[in-house]
Amino acid sequence: MAVSGEVTLHHDRVYIQIGQFGLSSGHGIMIRTCKSREDYTGGPNHFVALAMLDDIPALAATVHAITGVGPENSSASRFRAA
């Protein structure tokens, strides 16, 4: 049985993990708040589609909506995926 692996961004106020959490769900990005880099349980989990990696400005806006991290009108459009 294959294992996909995960990628985690653990910031002081946000915890984002990308992986294959439910193969049939289509969700591959988990976003939650945290209180520090030592906080591994944080706030409630929010799952979004892995396809959001194709639209970085939309993903940045979603992270902001869930966590409050980052500017509301983010200039993330300059970081478009190649």
Protein backbone atom coordinates (compact mmCIF):
# COMPACT_ATOMS: atom_id res chain seq x y z
CA MET A 1 0.00 0.00 0.00
CA ALA A 2 1.41 3.38 -1.00
CA VAL A 3 1.76 6.35 1.34
CA SER A 4 1.39 9.84 -0.12
CA GLY A 5 3.22 11.93 2.47
CA GLU A 6 2.34 15.40 3.73
CA VAL A 7 3.61 18.96 3.55
CA THR A 8 3.10 21.15 6.63
CA LEU A 9 3.42 24.90 7.16
CA HIS A 10 3.39 25.64 10.89
CA HIS A 11 3.40 29.38 11.54
CA ASP A 12 2.91 31.17 14.87
CA ARG A 13 -0.83 31.61 14.16
CA VAL A 14 -1.73 29.17 11.37
CA TYR A 15 -1.18 25.47 10.67
CA ILE A 16 -1.64 24.28 7.07
CA GLN A 17 -1.15 20.70 5.96
CA ILE A 18 -1.35 19.34 2.43
CA GLY A 19 -1.84 15.63 1.85
CA GLN A 20 -4.38 12.96 0.97
CA PHE A 21 -6.72 12.91 3.97
CA GLY A 22 -9.72 11.22 2.41
CA LEU A 23 -9.11 9.79 -1.02
CA SER A 24 -12.77 10.02 -1.99
CA SER A 25 -13.42 13.44 -0.40
CA GLY A 26 -11.32 15.48 -2.81
CA HIS A 27 -10.04 17.47 0.15
CA GLY A 28 -6.30 17.71 0.46
CA ILE A 29 -5.62 20.94 2.35
CA MET A 30 -6.28 21.27 6.07
CA ILE A 31 -6.20 24.76 7.60
CA ARG A 32 -6.49 25.68 11.28
CA THR A 33 -5.42 28.33 13.73
CA CYS A 34 -2.77 27.78 16.39
CA LYS A 35 -1.34 29.80 19.27
CA SER A 36 2.36 29.10 18.68
CA ARG A 37 4.73 26.81 16.83
CA GLU A 38 4.49 24.45 19.80
CA ASP A 39 0.67 24.22 19.43
CA TYR A 40 -0.02 21.07 17.41
CA THR A 41 -3.75 20.80 18.15
CA GLY A 42 -4.91 24.38 17.55
CA GLY A 43 -8.38 25.38 16.47
CA PRO A 44 -10.90 23.34 14.48
CA ASN A 45 -9.79 21.72 11.23
CA HIS A 46 -11.10 23.19 7.97
CA PHE A 47 -10.65 21.16 4.79
CA VAL A 48 -10.53 22.56 1.26
CA ALA A 49 -9.96 21.01 -2.13
CA LEU A 50 -6.44 20.18 -3.22
CA ALA A 51 -7.30 21.94 -6.50
CA MET A 52 -7.06 25.27 -4.63
CA LEU A 53 -3.30 25.00 -5.16
CA ASP A 54 -4.08 25.98 -8.77
CA ASP A 55 -5.40 29.37 -7.57
CA ILE A 56 -3.01 30.77 -4.97
CA PRO A 57 -4.90 34.09 -4.50
CA ALA A 58 -8.10 32.15 -3.72
CA LEU A 59 -6.21 29.86 -1.34
CA ALA A 60 -4.65 32.90 0.39
CA ALA A 61 -8.11 34.47 0.75
CA THR A 62 -9.45 31.21 2.21
CA VAL A 63 -6.58 31.00 4.71
CA HIS A 64 -7.27 34.61 5.71
CA ALA A 65 -11.01 33.95 6.08
CA ILE A 66 -10.37 30.95 8.33
CA THR A 67 -7.44 32.25 10.38
CA GLY A 68 -7.32 36.03 10.03
CA VAL A 69 -3.65 35.73 9.03
CA GLY A 70 -2.47 37.93 6.18
CA PRO A 71 -3.91 41.10 4.67
CA GLU A 72 -7.59 41.06 3.74
CA ASN A 73 -6.92 42.20 0.17
CA SER A 74 -3.82 40.12 -0.26
CA SER A 75 -1.38 40.85 -3.06
CA ALA A 76 -1.04 37.06 -3.43
CA SER A 77 -1.91 37.35 -7.13
CA ARG A 78 1.78 37.98 -7.80
CA PHE A 79 2.45 34.43 -6.54
CA ARG A 80 0.48 32.54 -9.18
CA ALA A 81 1.33 28.88 -9.63
CA ALA A 82 3.34 28.07 -12.72
